[in-house]
Amino acid sequence: MSTNQISGVTVSTQASVYFDGKCVSHGITFPDGTKKSVGVVLPANLTFNTGAPEIMECVAGGCEYKLAGTDAWLKSGPGDKFSIPGNSSFDIRVTEPYHYICHFG
């Protein structure tokens, strides 16, 4: 089951917009200082770079993704998660809006 609601957080009202608007996200901060982002990727083929390790959680929609150094495209749908190492990248193919939570670190 995917996360439906996140309570007790501070939300950044200024969106981060990437790839000419194909990805829009908002940062959230938990009381303990943990940071995540919630957003949407619109239909596109994109490459994201990571600094810290990330876990992408699909809330709605779906995507196909390929981690750096691999040849396999894998699917992610509602409730699915995939992990990306720090200082790496992943390719993502989206044909319908992909709603996500990005868990950092």
Protein backbone atom coordinates (compact mmCIF):
# COMPACT_ATOMS: atom_id res chain seq x y z
CA MET A 1 0.00 0.00 0.00
CA SER A 2 1.31 3.44 -0.83
CA THR A 3 1.48 6.33 1.61
CA ASN A 4 -1.73 8.38 1.47
CA GLN A 5 -0.96 11.11 4.00
CA ILE A 6 2.06 12.52 5.83
CA SER A 7 1.23 14.23 9.12
CA GLY A 8 3.22 16.55 11.37
CA VAL A 9 5.59 17.97 8.75
CA THR A 10 6.68 21.34 7.44
CA VAL A 11 6.09 21.77 3.70
CA SER A 12 8.10 24.03 1.43
CA THR A 13 5.52 25.98 -0.55
CA GLN A 14 8.06 26.90 -3.25
CA ALA A 15 8.17 24.04 -5.73
CA SER A 16 11.36 22.68 -7.22
CA VAL A 17 10.80 22.45 -10.97
CA TYR A 18 13.09 20.31 -13.12
CA PHE A 19 13.37 19.35 -16.78
CA ASP A 20 11.28 22.25 -18.12
CA GLY A 21 8.38 21.37 -15.83
CA LYS A 22 8.39 17.62 -16.41
CA CYS A 23 9.14 17.09 -12.69
CA VAL A 24 7.73 19.22 -9.89
CA SER A 25 8.35 18.51 -6.21
CA HIS A 26 7.92 20.04 -2.76
CA GLY A 27 10.29 19.45 0.13
CA ILE A 28 8.96 18.27 3.46
CA THR A 29 10.76 18.25 6.79
CA PHE A 30 9.84 16.07 9.77
CA PRO A 31 10.17 17.26 13.38
CA ASP A 32 13.37 15.16 13.75
CA GLY A 33 14.95 16.94 10.73
CA THR A 34 14.41 14.10 8.25
CA LYS A 35 13.77 15.43 4.75
CA LYS A 36 11.74 13.96 1.91
CA SER A 37 10.13 15.32 -1.20
CA VAL A 38 6.74 14.69 -2.76
CA GLY A 39 6.05 15.36 -6.38
CA VAL A 40 5.02 14.29 -9.83
CA VAL A 41 6.89 13.38 -13.00
CA LEU A 42 4.90 14.05 -16.16
CA PRO A 43 5.26 11.89 -19.28
CA ALA A 44 8.92 11.99 -20.35
CA ASN A 45 12.21 10.08 -20.51
CA LEU A 46 14.58 11.61 -17.93
CA THR A 47 17.85 10.97 -16.08
CA PHE A 48 18.12 11.92 -12.41
CA ASN A 49 21.39 12.18 -10.49
CA THR A 50 21.62 11.44 -6.78
CA GLY A 51 23.84 12.90 -4.07
CA ALA A 52 22.55 10.92 -1.09
CA PRO A 53 20.93 7.48 -1.40
CA GLU A 54 17.24 7.70 -2.28
CA ILE A 55 14.17 5.49 -2.13
CA MET A 56 11.44 6.34 -4.62
CA GLU A 57 7.94 5.36 -3.49
CA CYS A 58 5.17 5.34 -6.10
CA VAL A 59 1.95 6.88 -4.77
CA ALA A 60 -0.03 6.83 -8.06
CA GLY A 61 0.61 6.26 -11.73
CA GLY A 62 3.68 4.32 -12.69
CA CYS A 63 7.05 4.35 -14.39
CA GLU A 64 9.83 2.22 -15.72
CA TYR A 65 13.31 2.85 -14.34
CA LYS A 66 16.86 1.71 -14.97
CA LEU A 67 19.63 2.14 -12.42
CA ALA A 68 23.08 3.34 -13.52
CA GLY A 69 25.29 0.45 -14.60
CA THR A 70 22.38 -1.85 -15.42
CA ASP A 71 20.58 -2.70 -18.66
CA ALA A 72 17.25 -3.84 -17.19
CA TRP A 73 14.19 -1.61 -17.22
CA LEU A 74 11.98 -2.36 -14.20
CA LYS A 75 8.40 -1.28 -13.48
CA SER A 76 7.16 0.63 -10.45
CA GLY A 77 3.48 1.14 -9.64
CA PRO A 78 1.39 2.27 -6.65
CA GLY A 79 2.89 0.97 -3.42
CA ASP A 80 6.19 -0.04 -5.06
CA LYS A 81 9.56 1.35 -3.99
CA PHE A 82 13.01 1.28 -5.55
CA SER A 83 16.39 2.30 -4.15
CA ILE A 84 19.12 4.35 -5.80
CA PRO A 85 22.64 4.53 -4.34
CA GLY A 86 24.19 7.88 -3.46
CA ASN A 87 26.36 9.60 -6.07
CA SER A 88 24.67 7.65 -8.84
CA SER A 89 21.84 8.11 -11.33
CA PHE A 90 18.76 6.46 -12.78
CA ASP A 91 16.78 6.75 -15.98
CA ILE A 92 13.01 6.97 -15.77
CA ARG A 93 10.35 6.51 -18.46
CA VAL A 94 6.90 7.86 -17.63
CA THR A 95 3.83 7.54 -19.86
CA GLU A 96 1.25 8.71 -17.29
CA PRO A 97 1.81 11.08 -14.35
CA TYR A 98 4.01 9.35 -11.76
CA HIS A 99 3.28 10.62 -8.22
CA TYR A 100 6.06 9.87 -5.76
CA ILE A 101 7.62 10.34 -2.37
CA CYS A 102 11.42 10.53 -2.40
CA HIS A 103 12.98 9.32 0.85
CA PHE A 104 16.52 10.71 1.22
CA GLY A 105 19.48 9.09 2.97
